[in-house]
Protein backbone atom coordinates (compact mmCIF):
# COMPACT_ATOMS: atom_id res chain seq x y z
CA MET A 1 -0.34 0.16 0.18
CA THR A 2 2.65 2.52 0.84
CA THR A 3 5.19 1.60 -2.65
CA LEU A 4 0.68 2.28 -4.18
CA ARG A 5 0.85 5.43 -2.44
CA ARG A 6 4.67 6.81 -4.00
CA ARG A 7 3.68 5.83 -7.53
CA THR A 8 0.43 8.22 -6.91
CA GLY A 9 2.16 10.32 -5.37
CA SER A 10 4.41 11.14 -8.02
CA PHE A 11 2.93 10.57 -10.86
CA LEU A 12 0.81 13.45 -8.96
CA GLN A 13 3.56 15.66 -8.79
CA TRP A 14 4.97 15.09 -12.29
CA GLY A 15 1.58 16.08 -13.50
CA ALA A 16 1.33 19.32 -11.34
CA ALA A 17 4.33 19.76 -12.42
CA ALA A 18 3.52 19.77 -16.40
CA GLY A 19 0.28 21.36 -15.90
CA PHE A 20 2.21 24.33 -13.84
CA LEU A 21 4.52 24.65 -17.04
CA VAL A 22 2.40 24.23 -19.77
CA ALA A 23 0.30 27.44 -17.89
CA VAL A 24 3.68 29.69 -17.78
CA VAL A 25 4.46 29.37 -21.98
CA TRP A 26 0.39 30.08 -21.94
CA VAL A 27 1.29 33.63 -20.50
CA GLY A 28 4.36 33.86 -21.44
CA THR A 29 2.98 33.42 -25.30
CA GLY A 30 0.08 35.93 -24.45
CA LEU A 31 2.77 38.52 -22.77
CA VAL A 32 5.00 38.56 -25.40
CA ARG A 33 2.04 38.75 -28.44
CA THR A 34 0.74 41.86 -26.77
CA PHE A 35 4.08 42.95 -26.81
CA ARG A 36 4.80 42.83 -30.11
CA GLU A 37 1.28 43.91 -31.03
CA PHE A 38 1.65 46.87 -29.50
CA THR A 39 5.19 47.53 -30.91
CA THR A 40 4.08 46.92 -33.75
CA ASP A 41 1.08 49.17 -34.04
CA GLN A 42 3.02 51.97 -32.02
CA ALA A 43 5.84 52.62 -34.85
CA THR A 44 3.69 52.49 -37.51
CA ALA A 45 1.74 54.87 -36.26
CA GLU A 46 4.46 57.59 -35.75
CA THR A 47 5.58 57.28 -39.11
CA PRO A 48 3.53 57.71 -41.95
CA ALA A 49 4.59 56.81 -45.51
CA LEU A 50 5.31 59.85 -47.67
CA ALA A 51 5.39 60.30 -51.15
CA PRO A 52 8.65 59.78 -53.02
CA PRO A 53 9.45 63.59 -53.93
CA ALA A 54 8.72 63.81 -57.20
CA ALA A 55 11.91 64.71 -58.12
CA VAL A 56 13.24 61.10 -57.34
CA PRO A 57 12.37 59.01 -61.13
CA PRO A 58 9.93 56.35 -61.16
CA GLY A 59 11.38 52.77 -60.17
CA ALA A 60 13.77 53.80 -58.19
CA VAL A 61 13.45 51.26 -54.24
CA SER A 62 13.37 53.65 -51.45
CA LEU A 63 16.39 52.42 -48.27
CA PRO A 64 17.09 52.16 -44.66
CA VAL A 65 20.43 51.59 -45.33
CA LEU A 66 23.19 51.58 -48.61
CA LEU A 67 25.94 50.30 -48.23
CA PHE A 68 29.44 50.72 -50.10
CA GLY A 69 31.44 48.65 -51.28
CA ASP A 70 34.04 50.74 -49.23
CA GLY A 71 33.14 50.14 -45.93
CA LYS A 72 31.80 53.97 -46.60
CA GLY A 73 27.34 53.87 -45.12
CA VAL A 74 24.65 56.29 -45.92
CA ARG A 75 21.85 55.66 -42.75
CA VAL A 76 18.72 57.18 -42.36
CA GLY A 77 18.91 60.38 -40.25
CA ASP A 78 22.89 61.02 -40.75
CA THR A 79 23.52 64.98 -41.82
CA ALA A 80 24.54 66.97 -44.44
CA SER A 81 27.69 67.99 -42.76
CA GLN A 82 28.31 63.89 -42.37
CA ILE A 83 27.23 63.31 -45.89
CA ALA A 84 29.58 65.57 -47.22
CA ALA A 85 32.48 64.27 -45.14
CA LEU A 86 32.17 61.05 -45.79
CA PHE A 87 32.26 61.28 -49.95
CA GLY A 88 32.96 64.88 -50.63
CA ARG A 89 30.82 67.68 -52.88
CA GLY A 90 32.76 65.55 -55.86
CA VAL A 91 30.32 63.26 -55.57
CA GLU A 92 27.49 65.39 -55.83
CA VAL A 93 25.40 65.45 -59.29
CA GLY A 94 22.53 66.66 -61.26
CA ARG A 95 20.16 69.46 -59.98
CA GLN A 96 18.69 69.79 -56.08
CA GLU A 97 14.94 70.18 -55.52
CA LEU A 98 13.29 71.32 -52.92
CA ASP A 99 10.06 70.40 -52.30
CA ASP A 100 6.47 70.93 -49.66
CA SER A 101 5.56 67.26 -48.35
CA GLY A 102 2.36 68.73 -46.58
CA GLN A 103 5.08 68.46 -43.34
CA GLY A 104 8.35 70.09 -44.22
CA GLU A 105 10.18 71.29 -46.45
CA ARG A 106 12.11 68.80 -47.97
CA LEU A 107 15.33 69.33 -50.11
CA THR A 108 16.78 66.37 -53.01
CA ARG A 109 19.81 66.21 -53.69
CA PHE A 110 21.19 63.52 -55.83
CA TYR A 111 25.11 61.52 -55.73
CA GLU A 112 26.49 59.32 -58.12
CA TYR A 113 29.93 56.92 -56.30
CA ASP A 114 30.55 53.39 -56.57
CA SER A 115 28.49 53.47 -60.07
CA ARG A 116 25.41 53.95 -58.18
CA GLN A 117 23.12 56.47 -58.82
CA PHE A 118 21.45 57.02 -55.34
CA ALA A 119 19.50 60.61 -54.07
CA LEU A 120 18.99 61.57 -50.22
CA VAL A 121 16.20 63.21 -49.12
CA PHE A 122 16.52 65.16 -46.50
CA ALA A 123 14.33 67.12 -43.91
CA LEU A 124 13.98 70.72 -43.39
CA ASP A 125 12.36 70.90 -40.84
CA ALA A 126 14.29 70.04 -37.90
CA SER A 127 17.87 71.53 -38.40
CA PRO A 128 18.01 74.21 -42.13
CA GLU A 129 21.69 74.92 -41.43
CA ASP A 130 22.79 71.20 -41.28
CA PRO A 131 19.42 68.68 -41.65
CA ARG A 132 19.66 64.81 -41.81
CA VAL A 133 18.52 61.94 -44.72
CA GLU A 134 15.13 61.62 -44.32
CA GLU A 135 14.82 58.64 -47.30
CA ILE A 136 17.01 56.78 -48.97
CA PHE A 137 16.10 56.18 -53.71
CA LEU A 138 18.90 53.76 -55.40
CA HIS A 139 17.59 54.22 -59.15
């Protein structure tokens, strides 16, 4: 009789432990799903999609980062002075276009470096003397 109680008690303990483990995984999965949905919704709400400037050629691809073979790269958020220090003024080609996006003025500059043509769109509202890259277009 004593061995039967030990076996039954052992099975009950293992069953309770397994049930507890399943409950923890279930609650953890629900929390992760909730946080993931919150951050996704928050990120899309904060960054509304803007139409590309009219100066950007059709078919150009928008990128968050543009890397080159020599290790140089441009990222959204870089300033105009950082771009000038990185490449120099010799890589600027074509024209500069100014347009109003509805959320402020944007300056589009065209560049050619490492056999790639790209356009950088700078937001002029926050810092007109040293604007930040708002969008990168590769064409």
